[in-house]
Amino acid sequence: MSPRRNRQHGGAKPVDRTGGDRYGLERTEEWRGEDWVVRLVGGGGGAAAKHYRCPGCDQEIQPGVPHVVAWPQHGDVDDRRHWHKACWNARDRRSARLQRSRNAPRY
């Protein structure tokens, strides 16, 4: 006797056509009285093999992990910051001025 399979068969998944959480699409959000451009970055595909440090939690974002890139609307490339999605959503409750230990790497 073969083992039981718990996979669902048939039925299409609902498709979000609003573009709300689709990767690569940009939207504008207000934060601290300034407009910010926000882009969701997916983890798969041709993602760069680079580590980023989230300013919300001061933890590393590993390559291949979906995250958010945000920058001021009138800023330049050097103003971009890579955030965990949960940290970006909780940015008003988190401090961007966290202190690192002496031995913590700076990215």
Protein backbone atom coordinates (compact mmCIF):
# COMPACT_ATOMS: atom_id res chain seq x y z
CA MET A 1 0.00 0.00 0.00
CA SER A 2 1.39 3.41 -0.92
CA PRO A 3 1.48 6.25 1.60
CA ARG A 4 -1.35 8.76 1.71
CA ARG A 5 -0.84 11.98 -0.20
CA ASN A 6 -2.05 15.17 1.45
CA ARG A 7 -1.66 17.38 -1.58
CA GLN A 8 -4.63 19.27 -2.90
CA HIS A 9 -5.63 18.39 -6.41
CA GLY A 10 -7.20 20.84 -8.80
CA GLY A 11 -8.52 24.27 -8.00
CA ALA A 12 -6.65 27.36 -9.09
CA LYS A 13 -5.05 29.70 -6.61
CA PRO A 14 -6.56 33.19 -6.48
CA VAL A 15 -4.59 35.77 -8.43
CA ASP A 16 -3.93 39.22 -6.95
CA ARG A 17 -4.37 41.68 -9.80
CA THR A 18 -4.02 44.80 -7.65
CA GLY A 19 -0.22 44.65 -7.65
CA GLY A 20 -0.13 45.14 -3.88
CA ASP A 21 2.50 42.54 -2.96
CA ARG A 22 3.93 41.68 -6.34
CA TYR A 23 7.70 41.64 -6.55
CA GLY A 24 9.44 44.31 -8.58
CA LEU A 25 6.57 46.78 -8.60
CA GLU A 26 7.18 50.14 -6.98
CA ARG A 27 4.78 52.08 -4.83
CA THR A 28 5.07 55.29 -2.84
CA GLU A 29 4.54 55.48 0.92
CA GLU A 30 4.83 58.38 3.33
CA TRP A 31 7.20 58.06 6.28
CA ARG A 32 8.45 60.82 8.58
CA GLY A 33 6.84 63.48 6.40
CA GLU A 34 8.65 62.33 3.26
CA ASP A 35 7.55 60.23 0.28
CA TRP A 36 9.47 56.96 -0.05
CA VAL A 37 9.62 54.66 -3.07
CA VAL A 38 9.18 51.06 -1.93
CA ARG A 39 9.96 47.98 -4.03
CA LEU A 40 9.51 44.34 -3.03
CA VAL A 41 12.48 42.20 -4.04
CA GLY A 42 11.98 38.48 -4.50
CA GLY A 43 14.50 35.97 -3.33
CA GLY A 44 14.65 33.68 -6.34
CA GLY A 45 15.77 34.00 -9.89
CA GLY A 46 18.75 36.19 -10.72
CA ALA A 47 18.96 37.82 -7.31
CA ALA A 48 22.34 39.23 -6.40
CA ALA A 49 24.47 37.16 -4.05
CA LYS A 50 24.97 40.07 -1.67
CA HIS A 51 24.32 40.48 2.05
CA TYR A 52 22.46 43.53 3.31
CA ARG A 53 21.92 44.86 6.83
CA CYS A 54 18.35 45.79 7.76
CA PRO A 55 18.22 49.23 9.44
CA GLY A 56 15.10 48.19 11.38
CA CYS A 57 16.55 45.26 13.31
CA ASP A 58 20.27 45.57 12.47
CA GLN A 59 20.27 41.93 11.33
CA GLU A 60 21.70 40.58 8.12
CA ILE A 61 19.48 39.89 5.11
CA GLN A 62 20.88 36.76 3.47
CA PRO A 63 21.07 36.44 -0.33
CA GLY A 64 17.91 34.93 -1.76
CA VAL A 65 15.63 36.18 1.03
CA PRO A 66 12.66 38.31 -0.14
CA HIS A 67 12.83 41.81 1.30
CA VAL A 68 11.91 45.47 0.72
CA VAL A 69 14.10 48.17 -0.83
CA ALA A 70 13.09 51.71 0.13
CA TRP A 71 14.54 55.13 -0.67
CA PRO A 72 13.37 58.75 -0.48
CA GLN A 73 11.51 59.75 -3.63
CA HIS A 74 13.92 62.60 -4.30
CA GLY A 75 17.03 60.73 -3.15
CA ASP A 76 19.66 58.99 -5.21
CA VAL A 77 21.03 55.46 -5.43
CA ASP A 78 23.11 55.83 -2.26
CA ASP A 79 19.95 56.47 -0.21
CA ARG A 80 18.48 53.00 -0.87
CA ARG A 81 18.02 50.77 2.18
CA HIS A 82 17.19 47.07 2.27
CA TRP A 83 14.67 46.11 4.97
CA HIS A 84 13.01 42.90 6.07
CA LYS A 85 9.36 43.22 5.08
CA ALA A 86 8.22 42.93 8.72
CA CYS A 87 10.74 45.57 9.80
CA TRP A 88 9.56 47.98 7.10
CA ASN A 89 5.95 47.45 8.19
CA ALA A 90 6.96 48.13 11.81
CA ARG A 91 9.36 51.00 11.02
CA ASP A 92 7.52 53.49 13.24
CA ARG A 93 8.00 51.19 16.23
CA ARG A 94 11.66 50.45 15.53
CA SER A 95 14.71 52.62 15.94
CA ALA A 96 17.11 53.04 13.05
CA ARG A 97 19.85 54.06 15.49
CA LEU A 98 20.69 50.66 16.98
CA GLN A 99 24.14 50.25 18.47
CA ARG A 100 26.28 47.43 17.13
CA SER A 101 28.75 45.58 19.25
CA ARG A 102 32.44 46.23 18.64
CA ASN A 103 32.93 42.99 16.73
CA ALA A 104 29.82 43.21 14.55
CA PRO A 105 30.57 43.41 10.81
CA ARG A 106 29.62 46.60 9.00
CA TYR A 107 28.07 46.12 5.57
